[in-house]
Protein backbone atom coordinates (compact mmCIF):
# COMPACT_ATOMS: atom_id res chain seq x y z
CA GLN A 1 107.13 161.61 60.20
CA VAL A 2 103.77 162.14 61.50
CA GLN A 3 102.55 159.87 63.78
CA LEU A 4 99.23 159.52 65.82
CA VAL A 5 99.85 156.86 68.75
CA GLU A 6 96.80 155.67 71.21
CA SER A 7 97.37 154.39 75.02
CA GLY A 8 95.53 153.71 78.09
CA GLY A 9 93.93 150.52 76.69
CA GLY A 10 93.06 147.69 78.76
CA LEU A 11 91.12 145.10 80.07
CA VAL A 12 88.15 146.15 82.45
CA GLN A 13 85.06 144.94 84.51
CA ALA A 14 81.67 145.95 82.99
CA GLY A 15 80.32 149.38 84.83
CA GLY A 16 84.23 150.54 85.17
CA SER A 17 86.74 152.92 83.13
CA LEU A 18 89.01 153.95 81.08
CA ARG A 19 91.14 156.74 79.35
CA LEU A 20 92.60 156.52 76.27
CA SER A 21 94.99 158.61 74.80
CA CYS A 22 96.18 160.02 71.42
CA ALA A 23 99.82 161.90 71.62
CA ALA A 24 100.54 163.32 68.10
CA SER A 25 103.54 163.36 66.64
CA GLY A 26 105.11 164.93 63.78
CA ARG A 27 103.25 168.17 63.66
CA THR A 28 100.31 169.77 65.50
CA PHE A 29 96.91 169.22 64.71
CA SER A 30 95.70 172.30 66.59
CA GLY A 31 92.96 173.51 64.48
CA TYR A 32 91.63 170.44 63.61
CA VAL A 33 89.79 168.06 64.25
CA MET A 34 90.06 164.55 65.89
CA GLY A 35 88.49 161.60 67.01
CA TRP A 36 88.20 157.72 67.83
CA TYR A 37 86.62 155.45 66.02
CA ARG A 38 86.60 152.11 67.27
CA GLN A 39 86.65 148.63 64.57
CA VAL A 40 85.36 144.70 66.02
CA PRO A 41 87.14 142.10 63.68
CA GLY A 42 84.37 141.44 61.37
CA ASN A 43 83.03 144.72 61.64
CA GLU A 44 83.63 147.75 59.23
CA ARG A 45 85.63 150.83 61.26
CA ALA A 46 83.01 152.76 63.89
CA TRP A 47 83.06 156.97 64.39
CA VAL A 48 83.05 156.94 67.85
CA ALA A 49 84.10 160.35 69.12
CA THR A 50 85.36 163.59 67.74
CA ILE A 51 86.68 166.86 68.84
CA ALA A 52 86.66 169.69 66.95
CA GLY A 53 89.61 172.74 67.11
CA HIS A 54 87.46 175.60 69.05
CA GLY A 55 86.31 172.77 71.14
CA LEU A 56 83.11 171.55 69.87
CA THR A 57 81.69 168.27 70.68
CA ASN A 58 80.09 165.03 69.23
CA PHE A 59 79.43 161.08 69.82
CA ALA A 60 77.87 158.35 68.91
CA GLY A 61 74.43 157.30 70.22
CA SER A 62 75.72 153.72 71.54
CA VAL A 63 79.31 155.86 73.91
CA LYS A 64 76.70 159.51 74.89
CA GLY A 65 76.39 160.63 78.07
CA ARG A 66 78.54 157.75 78.90
CA PHE A 67 81.57 158.93 77.21
CA THR A 68 83.86 162.01 76.73
CA ILE A 69 86.23 163.30 74.70
CA SER A 70 88.73 166.33 75.04
CA ARG A 71 92.12 167.31 73.78
CA ASP A 72 94.94 169.87 75.03
CA ASP A 73 96.58 171.12 72.57
CA SER A 74 99.23 172.17 73.81
CA LYS A 75 100.57 168.29 74.46
CA ASN A 76 99.39 167.71 70.97
CA THR A 77 96.97 164.74 73.44
CA VAL A 78 93.39 164.05 72.32
CA TYR A 79 91.56 162.16 75.02
CA LEU A 80 89.08 160.03 75.86
CA GLN A 81 87.21 158.88 78.77
CA MET A 82 84.42 156.12 78.89
CA ASN A 83 83.10 155.07 81.98
CA ASP A 84 80.00 152.24 82.94
CA LEU A 85 81.90 150.30 80.04
CA LYS A 86 80.00 147.41 78.78
CA GLU A 87 80.95 144.71 77.34
CA GLU A 88 79.84 146.23 73.48
CA ASP A 89 82.80 148.43 74.69
CA THR A 90 84.65 145.76 73.46
CA ALA A 91 87.05 145.97 70.38
CA VAL A 92 90.00 148.31 69.18
CA TYR A 93 89.66 151.54 69.13
CA TYR A 94 91.73 154.29 66.69
CA CYS A 95 93.09 158.01 66.57
CA HIS A 96 92.21 159.92 63.77
CA ALA A 97 92.81 163.40 63.02
CA ARG A 98 93.10 164.36 59.02
CA GLU A 99 94.21 161.67 56.49
CA TYR A 100 96.44 159.91 59.63
CA TRP A 101 95.40 156.81 62.29
CA GLY A 102 96.85 155.76 64.94
CA GLN A 103 97.45 151.54 65.65
CA GLY A 104 94.98 151.28 67.53
CA THR A 105 94.46 150.04 71.81
CA GLN A 106 92.56 146.98 72.48
CA VAL A 107 90.11 147.98 74.54
CA THR A 108 88.20 144.58 77.05
CA VAL A 109 85.76 144.37 79.01
CA SER A 110 84.07 141.30 80.75
CA SER A 111 80.94 140.09 82.69
């Protein structure tokens, strides 16, 4: 059974940092694009960042320069480092790889 399990969410003050992790099990995603999305209640799930198998990264404009994405294929894990967090970053963050989604982790940024 393939699972993506996110961790690292929480409550942080504006300007602070969090690091999300997504650990995959049941199969390897080495060589595949992995990514992060986020969703606010009442809104559609929105793309945040992706990292290709060879390491090329892409970011949504709203997080560019503040977030970084990385992966450790030896651990089958992808990370999202979030710096200079803003209230508008508050959302449930989801990990995605191929057709698989994690269960999400809540990130709340307070003023």
